[in-house]
């Protein structure tokens, strides 16, 4: 699926004000502690990863995780 030229250009920085549900707040806290990244960096990365996964799933791909034992698990994002 081709991307529009507008989507290909880097956008200027934008500021958003959002209300996060408690599980999202807890996830951000865990990630900032485990990665040493700022909340802004964690949220930016999360949005980019979600966009990447969403695009691939729309193309018909599955999201799979393989654990250390080699067992594969299909990830469902609802």
Protein backbone atom coordinates (compact mmCIF):
# COMPACT_ATOMS: atom_id res chain seq x y z
CA UNK A 1 0.00 0.00 0.00
CA UNK A 2 1.69 3.27 -1.10
CA UNK A 3 2.16 6.00 1.40
CA UNK A 4 1.14 9.58 0.67
CA UNK A 5 3.88 12.14 0.20
CA UNK A 6 2.58 14.01 3.23
CA UNK A 7 3.08 10.95 5.45
CA UNK A 8 6.62 10.48 4.10
CA UNK A 9 7.71 13.98 5.15
CA UNK A 10 8.79 14.39 8.75
CA UNK A 11 6.23 16.42 10.65
CA UNK A 12 7.16 19.29 12.91
CA UNK A 13 7.14 18.53 16.60
CA UNK A 14 3.64 18.58 18.03
CA UNK A 15 2.51 18.70 21.61
CA UNK A 16 -0.45 16.59 22.77
CA UNK A 17 -2.34 16.48 26.01
CA UNK A 18 -3.76 13.04 26.69
CA UNK A 19 -5.36 11.26 29.60
CA UNK A 20 -3.83 7.85 30.14
CA UNK A 21 -5.55 4.91 31.78
CA UNK A 22 -3.82 3.45 34.87
CA UNK A 23 -2.35 0.41 33.05
CA UNK A 24 -0.71 2.75 30.50
CA UNK A 25 0.70 4.94 33.28
CA UNK A 26 2.13 1.87 35.01
CA UNK A 27 3.62 0.61 31.73
CA UNK A 28 5.30 3.97 31.12
CA UNK A 29 6.71 3.94 34.66
CA UNK A 30 8.10 0.41 34.19
CA UNK A 31 9.63 1.31 30.83
CA UNK A 32 11.25 4.52 32.03
CA UNK A 33 12.81 2.61 34.92
CA UNK A 34 13.97 -0.37 32.85
CA UNK A 35 15.24 1.60 29.83
CA UNK A 36 16.40 4.87 31.36
CA UNK A 37 14.43 6.71 28.68
CA UNK A 38 12.24 9.72 29.35
CA UNK A 39 8.43 9.44 29.31
CA UNK A 40 8.44 11.38 26.04
CA UNK A 41 10.88 8.94 24.43
CA UNK A 42 8.92 5.92 25.69
CA UNK A 43 5.64 7.29 24.32
CA UNK A 44 7.22 8.29 20.99
CA UNK A 45 8.67 4.81 20.55
CA UNK A 46 5.39 3.15 21.54
CA UNK A 47 3.44 5.11 18.93
CA UNK A 48 6.00 4.31 16.22
CA UNK A 49 6.02 0.61 17.08
CA UNK A 50 2.22 0.51 17.08
CA UNK A 51 2.13 2.22 13.66
CA UNK A 52 4.66 -0.29 12.28
CA UNK A 53 2.72 -3.29 13.63
CA UNK A 54 -0.63 -1.89 12.48
CA UNK A 55 0.70 -1.35 8.96
CA UNK A 56 2.07 -4.89 8.74
CA UNK A 57 -1.13 -6.41 10.12
CA UNK A 58 -3.21 -4.45 7.57
CA UNK A 59 -0.97 -5.99 4.88
CA UNK A 60 -1.91 -9.43 6.18
CA UNK A 61 1.09 -10.22 8.36
CA UNK A 62 0.89 -11.89 11.76
CA UNK A 63 2.77 -10.64 14.81
CA UNK A 64 4.65 -13.51 16.41
CA UNK A 65 6.85 -13.74 19.48
CA UNK A 66 9.32 -16.56 19.96
CA UNK A 67 10.43 -17.32 23.51
CA UNK A 68 13.83 -18.70 24.50
CA UNK A 69 12.54 -22.27 24.25
CA UNK A 70 11.62 -21.69 20.60
CA UNK A 71 7.89 -21.69 21.30
CA UNK A 72 6.02 -19.23 19.07
CA UNK A 73 3.04 -17.20 20.23
CA UNK A 74 0.75 -15.17 17.98
CA UNK A 75 0.09 -11.67 19.33
CA UNK A 76 -3.45 -10.32 19.08
CA UNK A 77 -3.88 -6.56 19.31
CA UNK A 78 -7.45 -5.47 19.88
